[in-house]
Amino acid sequence: MKESRYADVVIAGGGASGLAAAIELGMKAPHLSVLVIEKMPEAGRKIRATGSGRCNISNTGAAGYSRIMKFFREIGLVTKAYDNGLVYPYSESAADVAELLFERALSLGVNFAFGEEVMSVKTVPADLVADPLPGSSNVFVINSVFKDRDGLENITTHASFLIMAMGGKAGPTFGTIGDGYRIARNLGHSVVTPVPALTGIECEEWEKDCSPCAVMLGGTRSAGVVSLYKDASHNFGEDTKIFEEAGEIQFTKYGLSGICVFNMTRHMRYDRRGGESLDDFMVRVDLFPDGDIREFIRDSRTGAFSGEPIGELLCTVLKGPLAEYIIRRSAEGDAEAFASRPVSSLSDEEAERIAANIHTLSFRPDQIRGWNDAQVTMGGVSMDEIKEATSESLLIDGMYITGELADRDFQCGGYNLSNAWITGLAAADSIAAKLQAD
């Protein structure tokens, strides 16, 4: 069975940018027929999982923050901002945000087609179609498929404007599997290879044959500073440092995690064609960033507690698993015997090895965690082919590329969700302005 229909504006994707665009169009151009095509059974499924269910909707330092807050005030969402810039709904419920957006869109006359997957998009000149909507020189022919117990239904939708809000590849359980990239390519757009970002990294030190094996650190958290180095010759001097951030470092069963590590993965791009690889990176962790541990060790060697075992001394500044791991990395020979020796017996060389491991504990990245764990996608439709101010394609009049589908990604803290809201709003505002101009 094949169905044909028409909408003034089709929004492919009912996530954050798609919902923002739909609501904005409903408020600014209420005479338009707006249709959101969403492959999942409900809108805003990924929104419901953001911020660990609390929905970190923006950041006071994000581009377009004032515009985003104006939008949320207009639709009746009460928010609160913290001193660190994080902005949450007052209820701190991501589900409330998703539900509010959907209900506001419905109240403004926006139509939704759930469980329907966009398969392809073609364009035909607007002057070949009877009574085209002014403001665009193209009519979009959108082919989609609806699947139910009775089989497949092929649907063709004609629209004067198209907003591509299909997301990236991060979080495929929410429907973001990268299908928007294929459609964009078929329409002539370039796509920067998508890679997962804001995720953990697996490291060689966690492999079973590594001695000492860092699996013992799994479940340990520590404040510290994480630094990233990149050098093809593997020298990894200070001049090769490309990223540094303080925060809570999480040692997992596979490697490193935590917000500072997530932000670090945004800088771990490499060009395979140019001969680069993940081996060109080194991660170093400073577990005592507030001072020089050498002074503490020096004072302990001659102080009142000089007879204390080395292992117990390290447990006063590091969590147990980390202290034990540092001992194993620092000992030459029997680690248990080394840990039980009195602090006063430490040679200068041994003290320096301990200090170096505490301040520059090094790890070799083996793999960046995949799409299921990633919070965001690096890569996407090239920004060289998109008008940044409006999200409109520079190649196809009347088509807009929003949110994570475009090659834009940001650090943790509400910045990526801000990008989704602001690009969706920009697309809707551009369409409304085009219609007013005509």
Protein backbone atom coordinates (compact mmCIF):
# COMPACT_ATOMS: atom_id res chain seq x y z
CA MET A 1 0.00 0.00 0.00
CA LYS A 2 1.30 3.47 -0.84
CA GLU A 3 0.08 6.73 0.67
CA SER A 4 0.72 10.28 -0.51
CA ARG A 5 0.40 13.43 1.59
CA TYR A 6 1.57 17.05 1.80
CA ALA A 7 2.97 19.25 4.58
CA ASP A 8 4.37 22.76 4.35
CA VAL A 9 7.29 21.74 6.56
CA VAL A 10 8.52 18.23 7.27
CA ILE A 11 10.83 17.71 10.24
CA ALA A 12 12.69 14.41 10.00
CA GLY A 13 13.36 13.52 13.63
CA GLY A 14 11.46 14.18 16.83
CA GLY A 15 14.39 14.77 19.16
CA ALA A 16 15.55 17.98 20.81
CA SER A 17 16.24 20.07 17.70
CA GLY A 18 13.21 18.71 15.86
CA LEU A 19 10.81 19.47 18.72
CA ALA A 20 12.28 22.95 19.23
CA ALA A 21 11.83 23.68 15.51
CA ALA A 22 8.27 22.33 15.48
CA ILE A 23 7.18 24.42 18.47
CA GLU A 24 8.86 27.56 17.17
CA LEU A 25 7.13 27.15 13.80
CA GLY A 26 3.83 26.62 15.57
CA MET A 27 4.29 29.89 17.46
CA LYS A 28 5.74 32.04 14.66
CA ALA A 29 3.94 30.63 11.62
CA PRO A 30 0.71 29.04 12.90
CA HIS A 31 -0.78 28.91 9.39
CA LEU A 32 1.79 26.32 8.27
CA SER A 33 1.15 22.60 8.30
CA VAL A 34 4.07 21.00 10.14
CA LEU A 35 4.71 17.26 10.19
CA VAL A 36 7.32 15.53 12.38
CA ILE A 37 8.34 12.09 11.12
CA GLU A 38 9.89 10.05 13.93
CA LYS A 39 10.97 6.42 13.62
CA MET A 40 10.59 5.73 17.35
CA PRO A 41 7.17 5.23 18.99
CA GLU A 42 7.42 8.54 20.88
CA ALA A 43 9.08 11.93 20.63
CA GLY A 44 12.07 13.00 22.68
CA ARG A 45 13.21 9.54 23.70
CA LYS A 46 16.87 10.57 23.94
CA ILE A 47 15.93 13.73 25.87
CA ARG A 48 14.47 11.50 28.58
CA ALA A 49 17.89 9.97 29.22
CA THR A 50 19.97 13.16 29.30
CA GLY A 51 21.72 14.33 32.43
CA SER A 52 21.21 10.94 34.09
CA GLY A 53 17.48 11.54 33.87
CA ARG A 54 17.73 15.12 35.21
CA CYS A 55 18.13 16.81 31.79
CA ASN A 56 21.01 19.28 31.81
CA ILE A 57 19.21 21.40 29.20
CA SER A 58 21.81 24.15 28.78
CA ASN A 59 24.78 26.00 30.22
CA THR A 60 25.06 29.70 31.01
CA GLY A 61 28.24 29.74 28.92
CA ALA A 62 26.69 28.11 25.84
CA ALA A 63 26.28 29.99 22.58
CA GLY A 64 22.69 31.19 22.25
CA TYR A 65 21.94 30.72 25.95
CA SER A 66 19.66 33.78 26.21
CA ARG A 67 17.71 32.72 23.13
CA ILE A 68 17.27 29.20 24.50
CA MET A 69 16.03 30.48 27.85
CA LYS A 70 13.57 32.79 26.10
CA PHE A 71 12.16 29.79 24.23
CA PHE A 72 11.72 27.75 27.39
CA ARG A 73 10.06 30.65 29.20
CA GLU A 74 7.63 30.99 26.31
CA ILE A 75 6.59 27.35 26.57
CA GLY A 76 6.32 27.44 30.36
CA LEU A 77 9.38 25.51 31.52
CA VAL A 78 10.83 26.72 34.83
CA THR A 79 14.59 26.24 35.09
CA LYS A 80 17.37 26.76 37.59
CA ALA A 81 21.03 27.53 36.97
CA TYR A 82 23.85 26.48 39.28
CA ASP A 83 27.05 28.36 40.04
CA ASN A 84 29.00 26.05 37.71
CA GLY A 85 26.79 27.10 34.78
CA LEU A 86 24.70 23.94 34.54
CA VAL A 87 21.02 24.57 33.85
CA TYR A 88 18.27 22.08 34.72
CA PRO A 89 14.48 22.06 34.69
CA TYR A 90 13.28 23.00 38.15
CA SER A 91 11.77 19.54 38.57
CA GLU A 92 15.10 17.99 37.52
CA SER A 93 13.10 15.50 35.46
CA ALA A 94 14.12 14.82 31.86
CA ALA A 95 10.81 13.05 31.28
CA ASP A 96 8.96 16.24 32.23
CA VAL A 97 10.92 18.20 29.61
CA ALA A 98 10.21 15.67 26.86
CA GLU A 99 6.53 15.53 27.73
CA LEU A 100 6.18 19.30 27.89
CA LEU A 101 7.79 19.73 24.47
CA PHE A 102 5.54 17.13 22.91
CA GLU A 103 2.38 18.55 24.49
CA ARG A 104 3.26 22.11 23.44
CA ALA A 105 3.86 20.96 19.87
CA LEU A 106 0.51 19.16 19.77
CA SER A 107 -1.31 22.18 21.18
CA LEU A 108 0.15 24.30 18.37
CA GLY A 109 -1.21 21.99 15.71
CA VAL A 110 1.98 20.10 14.88
CA ASN A 111 1.31 16.63 13.44
CA PHE A 112 3.41 13.58 14.31
CA ALA A 113 4.00 10.34 12.41
CA PHE A 114 5.52 7.83 14.83
CA GLY A 115 7.08 4.52 13.91
CA GLU A 116 7.82 5.88 10.45
CA GLU A 117 11.35 5.82 9.01
CA VAL A 118 12.56 8.25 6.35
CA MET A 119 14.29 6.23 3.65
CA SER A 120 15.14 8.79 0.97
CA VAL A 121 14.71 12.43 -0.05
CA LYS A 122 14.62 13.95 -3.52
CA THR A 123 14.08 17.50 -4.68
CA VAL A 124 12.13 18.87 -7.63
CA PRO A 125 11.96 22.53 -8.68
CA ALA A 126 9.09 24.34 -7.00
CA ASP A 127 7.84 25.75 -10.32
CA LEU A 128 7.03 22.21 -11.48
CA VAL A 129 4.50 21.80 -8.67
CA ALA A 130 1.06 23.35 -8.55
CA ASP A 131 0.65 26.06 -5.88
CA PRO A 132 4.08 25.76 -4.24
CA LEU A 133 4.59 27.47 -0.89
CA PRO A 134 6.54 30.73 -1.35
CA GLY A 135 9.97 31.05 0.21
CA SER A 136 11.64 27.94 -1.20
CA SER A 137 12.73 27.12 -4.74
CA ASN A 138 12.42 23.37 -4.08
CA VAL A 139 9.76 20.84 -3.26
CA PHE A 140 11.00 17.88 -1.26
CA VAL A 141 9.80 14.38 -2.02
CA ILE A 142 10.26 12.37 1.15
CA ASN A 143 9.87 8.61 0.98
CA SER A 144 9.27 6.83 4.26
CA VAL A 145 8.17 3.44 5.52
CA PHE A 146 5.69 2.59 8.26
CA LYS A 147 5.83 -0.94 9.61
CA ASP A 148 3.06 -2.61 11.58
CA ARG A 149 1.60 -6.08 12.01
CA ASP A 150 -0.04 -5.82 8.60
CA GLY A 151 3.27 -5.26 6.85
CA LEU A 152 5.03 -2.28 5.30
CA GLU A 153 3.35 0.89 4.16
CA ASN A 154 5.27 3.13 1.77
CA ILE A 155 4.51 6.81 2.19
CA THR A 156 5.46 9.74 0.00
CA THR A 157 5.32 13.21 1.51
CA HIS A 158 5.75 16.44 -0.44
CA ALA A 159 6.98 19.48 1.47
CA SER A 160 8.17 22.98 0.68
CA PHE A 161 10.71 22.94 3.52
CA LEU A 162 12.64 20.11 5.14
CA ILE A 163 14.42 20.15 8.50
CA MET A 164 16.84 17.25 8.86
CA ALA A 165 16.95 16.64 12.63
CA MET A 166 17.80 12.95 12.59
CA GLY A 167 20.67 13.05 15.06
CA GLY A 168 24.07 11.40 14.87
CA LYS A 169 25.10 7.86 15.82
CA ALA A 170 25.58 8.13 19.60
CA GLY A 171 22.97 6.23 21.60
CA PRO A 172 21.55 3.94 18.89
CA THR A 173 18.99 2.52 21.33
CA PHE A 174 17.22 5.89 20.98
CA GLY A 175 17.01 5.53 17.20
CA THR A 176 20.12 7.54 16.27
CA ILE A 177 21.92 5.16 13.93
CA GLY A 178 23.37 7.62 11.42
CA ASP A 179 20.77 7.20 8.68
CA GLY A 180 20.66 10.97 8.21
CA TYR A 181 24.25 10.88 6.92
CA ARG A 182 23.27 8.55 4.08
CA ILE A 183 20.40 10.80 3.05
CA ALA A 184 22.59 13.91 3.23
CA ARG A 185 25.26 12.25 1.07
CA ASN A 186 22.68 11.26 -1.51
CA LEU A 187 21.64 14.92 -1.68
CA GLY A 188 25.22 15.96 -2.44
CA HIS A 189 26.50 16.85 1.02
CA SER A 190 29.92 15.92 2.38
CA VAL A 191 30.01 14.00 5.64
CA VAL A 192 32.97 14.11 8.01
CA THR A 193 33.48 10.56 9.29
CA PRO A 194 31.39 10.17 12.46
CA VAL A 195 33.21 8.89 15.56
CA PRO A 196 31.97 8.47 19.15
CA ALA A 197 32.85 11.19 21.67
CA LEU A 198 32.15 12.09 25.30
CA THR A 199 32.78 8.50 26.25
CA GLY A 200 35.30 6.39 28.12
CA ILE A 201 38.54 4.97 26.79
CA GLU A 202 39.93 1.46 27.03
CA CYS A 203 43.64 1.26 27.86
CA GLU A 204 46.37 -1.31 27.32
CA GLU A 205 47.16 -1.41 31.05
CA TRP A 206 43.85 -3.21 31.64
CA GLU A 207 44.85 -6.20 29.50
CA LYS A 208 45.32 -9.43 31.47
CA ASP A 209 48.95 -9.93 30.45
CA CYS A 210 49.92 -6.42 31.58
CA SER A 211 51.87 -6.31 34.84
CA PRO A 212 50.60 -4.75 36.97
CA CYS A 213 47.10 -5.16 35.54
CA ALA A 214 44.98 -2.06 36.13
CA VAL A 215 41.76 -4.07 36.40
CA MET A 216 42.36 -3.81 40.16
CA LEU A 217 41.41 -0.12 39.87
CA GLY A 218 37.88 -0.84 38.65
CA GLY A 219 35.27 1.10 40.62
CA THR A 220 37.78 3.60 42.04
CA ARG A 221 37.20 7.34 41.72
CA SER A 222 39.74 10.06 42.37
CA ALA A 223 40.04 13.79 41.93
CA GLY A 224 42.91 14.68 39.64
CA VAL A 225 44.05 16.17 36.37
CA VAL A 226 43.96 14.23 33.12
CA SER A 227 46.28 15.25 30.25
CA LEU A 228 46.41 14.07 26.63
CA TYR A 229 49.55 13.96 24.51
CA LYS A 230 49.83 13.31 20.79
CA ASP A 231 53.10 12.52 19.03
CA ALA A 232 53.74 10.19 16.09
CA SER A 233 57.28 9.52 17.36
CA HIS A 234 55.90 8.59 20.81
CA ASN A 235 58.16 10.95 22.72
CA PHE A 236 55.22 12.59 24.51
CA GLY A 237 57.07 15.58 25.89
CA GLU A 238 55.27 18.55 27.40
CA ASP A 239 55.26 20.27 24.00
CA THR A 240 53.03 17.46 22.69
CA LYS A 241 50.26 18.06 25.27
CA ILE A 242 46.99 18.90 23.49
CA PHE A 243 44.44 18.75 26.33
CA GLU A 244 44.29 19.06 30.10
CA GLU A 245 41.36 19.17 32.51
CA ALA A 246 40.81 18.70 36.24
CA GLY A 247 37.92 16.66 37.56
CA GLU A 248 36.85 13.34 38.96
CA ILE A 249 38.58 10.47 37.19
CA GLN A 250 36.73 7.17 37.19
CA PHE A 251 38.78 3.98 36.90
CA THR A 252 36.51 1.33 35.41
CA LYS A 253 36.79 -2.36 34.58
CA TYR A 254 38.03 -1.42 31.10
CA GLY A 255 39.94 1.87 31.48
CA LEU A 256 39.22 5.54 32.18
CA SER A 257 35.96 7.43 32.44
CA GLY A 258 34.50 10.57 34.05
CA ILE A 259 33.54 13.97 32.66
CA CYS A 260 37.12 15.18 32.22
CA VAL A 261 37.93 11.98 30.32
CA PHE A 262 34.76 12.36 28.22
CA ASN A 263 35.84 15.87 27.26
CA MET A 264 39.30 14.54 26.42
CA THR A 265 37.91 12.12 23.82
CA ARG A 266 36.82 15.10 21.69
CA HIS A 267 40.53 15.70 21.05
CA MET A 268 41.37 12.12 20.10
CA ARG A 269 40.75 12.45 16.38
CA TYR A 270 43.30 10.99 14.05
CA ASP A 271 43.69 10.61 10.30
CA ARG A 272 44.06 6.95 9.30
CA ARG A 273 44.73 7.92 5.70
CA GLY A 274 47.57 10.11 6.86
CA GLY A 275 49.13 7.24 8.79
CA GLU A 276 47.91 8.33 12.23
CA SER A 277 46.50 5.93 14.80
CA LEU A 278 45.36 5.76 18.40
CA ASP A 279 48.93 4.69 19.25
CA ASP A 280 49.94 8.32 18.71
CA PHE A 281 48.22 9.28 21.98
CA MET A 282 49.28 9.02 25.60
CA VAL A 283 47.15 9.82 28.67
CA ARG A 284 48.72 10.98 31.91
CA VAL A 285 46.95 11.39 35.23
CA ASP A 286 48.08 13.59 38.12
CA LEU A 287 46.63 12.10 41.31
CA PHE A 288 48.07 14.84 43.57
CA PRO A 289 47.54 18.08 41.61
CA ASP A 290 47.46 20.39 44.64
CA GLY A 291 51.16 20.17 45.41
CA ASP A 292 54.38 18.22 44.95
CA ILE A 293 54.15 14.77 46.50
CA ARG A 294 57.96 14.77 46.71
CA GLU A 295 57.81 17.19 49.64
CA PHE A 296 55.38 14.93 51.50
CA ILE A 297 57.58 11.88 50.90
CA ARG A 298 60.75 13.78 51.92
CA ASP A 299 59.18 15.00 55.15
CA SER A 300 57.81 11.53 55.91
CA ARG A 301 61.21 9.88 55.46
CA THR A 302 62.67 11.86 58.38
CA GLY A 303 59.59 12.76 60.40
CA ALA A 304 57.75 11.18 63.31
CA PHE A 305 56.21 8.51 61.09
CA SER A 306 59.38 7.51 59.26
CA GLY A 307 58.89 3.94 60.44
CA GLU A 308 55.47 3.65 58.83
CA PRO A 309 55.24 1.17 55.93
CA ILE A 310 55.44 2.76 52.50
CA GLY A 311 52.10 1.25 51.46
CA GLU A 312 50.29 2.66 54.47
CA LEU A 313 51.83 6.08 53.90
CA LEU A 314 50.46 6.22 50.35
CA CYS A 315 47.01 5.27 51.64
CA THR A 316 46.93 8.59 53.51
CA VAL A 317 46.89 10.50 50.21
CA LEU A 318 45.44 7.96 47.74
CA LYS A 319 42.55 5.54 47.85
CA GLY A 320 43.57 1.97 48.63
CA PRO A 321 43.46 0.46 45.12
CA LEU A 322 45.36 3.44 43.69
CA ALA A 323 47.99 3.27 46.43
CA GLU A 324 48.49 -0.44 45.75
CA TYR A 325 48.70 0.13 42.00
CA ILE A 326 51.27 2.92 42.42
CA ILE A 327 53.34 0.60 44.63
CA ARG A 328 53.25 -2.10 41.97
CA ARG A 329 54.20 0.38 39.25
CA SER A 330 57.04 1.76 41.36
CA ALA A 331 58.54 -1.38 42.88
CA GLU A 332 61.44 -3.15 41.26
CA GLY A 333 60.92 -6.69 42.41
CA ASP A 334 58.53 -7.89 45.11
CA ALA A 335 55.76 -5.25 45.41
CA GLU A 336 54.49 -6.60 48.74
CA ALA A 337 57.93 -6.44 50.27
CA PHE A 338 58.39 -2.94 48.90
CA ALA A 339 55.06 -1.80 50.41
CA SER A 340 55.95 -3.18 53.85
CA ARG A 341 59.32 -1.43 54.10
CA PRO A 342 59.53 1.66 56.35
CA VAL A 343 59.33 5.03 54.65
CA SER A 344 62.77 5.92 56.01
CA SER A 345 64.31 3.17 53.85
CA LEU A 346 63.26 4.81 50.58
CA SER A 347 66.17 5.77 48.38
CA ASP A 348 66.03 9.00 46.40
CA GLU A 349 65.53 6.99 43.23
CA GLU A 350 62.64 4.99 44.72
CA ALA A 351 60.99 8.14 46.07
CA GLU A 352 61.27 9.73 42.63
CA ARG A 353 59.64 6.71 40.96
CA ILE A 354 56.69 6.90 43.36
CA ALA A 355 56.35 10.66 42.81
CA ALA A 356 56.54 10.29 39.04
CA ASN A 357 53.81 7.64 39.05
CA ILE A 358 51.56 9.76 41.23
CA HIS A 359 51.98 12.95 39.20
CA THR A 360 52.32 11.44 35.71
CA LEU A 361 50.60 8.06 35.86
CA SER A 362 50.59 7.08 32.19
CA PHE A 363 48.11 5.01 30.20
CA ARG A 364 48.12 3.98 26.55
CA PRO A 365 44.68 4.25 24.86
CA ASP A 366 43.68 1.03 23.17
CA GLN A 367 40.17 1.92 22.05
CA ILE A 368 37.56 4.64 22.40
CA ARG A 369 34.29 3.23 23.72
CA GLY A 370 31.63 2.71 21.08
CA TRP A 371 28.33 4.26 20.11
CA ASN A 372 26.31 2.63 22.90
CA ASP A 373 28.38 4.46 25.52
CA ALA A 374 29.02 7.74 23.67
CA GLN A 375 27.02 10.82 24.60
CA VAL A 376 27.63 12.63 21.33
CA THR A 377 28.91 12.20 17.78
CA MET A 378 32.01 13.88 16.40
CA GLY A 379 31.71 14.37 12.66
CA GLY A 380 28.66 14.71 10.45
CA VAL A 381 27.54 16.95 7.61
CA SER A 382 30.35 19.42 6.94
CA MET A 383 29.80 22.86 8.45
CA ASP A 384 31.40 24.27 5.28
CA GLU A 385 28.09 23.38 3.59
CA ILE A 386 25.73 24.83 6.22
CA LYS A 387 24.81 28.43 7.04
CA GLU A 388 25.74 28.52 10.70
CA ALA A 389 23.36 31.37 11.58
CA THR A 390 20.27 29.63 10.14
CA SER A 391 21.21 25.92 9.86
CA GLU A 392 20.20 26.04 6.18
CA SER A 393 22.06 23.96 3.63
CA LEU A 394 24.28 25.96 1.31
CA LEU A 395 23.64 23.36 -1.38
CA ILE A 396 19.86 22.94 -1.24
CA ASP A 397 17.51 25.86 -0.76
CA GLY A 398 14.86 25.20 1.88
CA MET A 399 16.63 22.28 3.58
CA TYR A 400 18.01 22.65 7.11
CA ILE A 401 20.48 20.46 8.98
CA THR A 402 20.24 20.72 12.76
CA GLY A 403 21.59 19.24 15.95
CA GLU A 404 23.99 16.34 15.95
CA LEU A 405 23.56 15.61 12.25
CA ALA A 406 25.96 18.48 11.53
CA ASP A 407 29.67 18.32 12.32
CA ARG A 408 29.46 20.22 15.59
CA ASP A 409 30.18 18.81 19.05
CA PHE A 410 30.90 20.34 22.41
CA GLN A 411 32.12 19.45 25.89
CA CYS A 412 29.94 18.01 28.64
CA GLY A 413 27.74 20.30 30.67
CA GLY A 414 24.66 21.10 28.58
CA TYR A 415 26.53 22.46 25.56
CA ASN A 416 25.49 19.74 23.11
CA LEU A 417 21.83 19.93 24.07
CA SER A 418 22.11 23.72 23.72
CA ASN A 419 23.35 23.17 20.17
CA ALA A 420 20.30 21.05 19.44
CA TRP A 421 17.85 23.68 20.74
CA ILE A 422 19.54 26.66 19.08
CA THR A 423 19.96 25.06 15.65
CA GLY A 424 16.34 23.88 15.63
CA LEU A 425 15.15 27.35 16.61
CA ALA A 426 17.37 28.94 13.96
CA ALA A 427 15.90 26.72 11.24
CA ALA A 428 12.33 27.54 12.26
CA ASP A 429 13.06 31.26 12.49
CA SER A 430 14.63 31.20 9.03
CA ILE A 431 11.59 29.53 7.48
CA ALA A 432 9.22 31.97 9.17
CA ALA A 433 11.34 34.91 7.98
CA LYS A 434 11.33 33.63 4.38
CA LEU A 435 7.56 33.42 4.36
CA GLN A 436 7.18 36.89 5.83
CA ALA A 437 9.55 38.30 3.23
CA ASP A 438 7.39 36.89 0.46
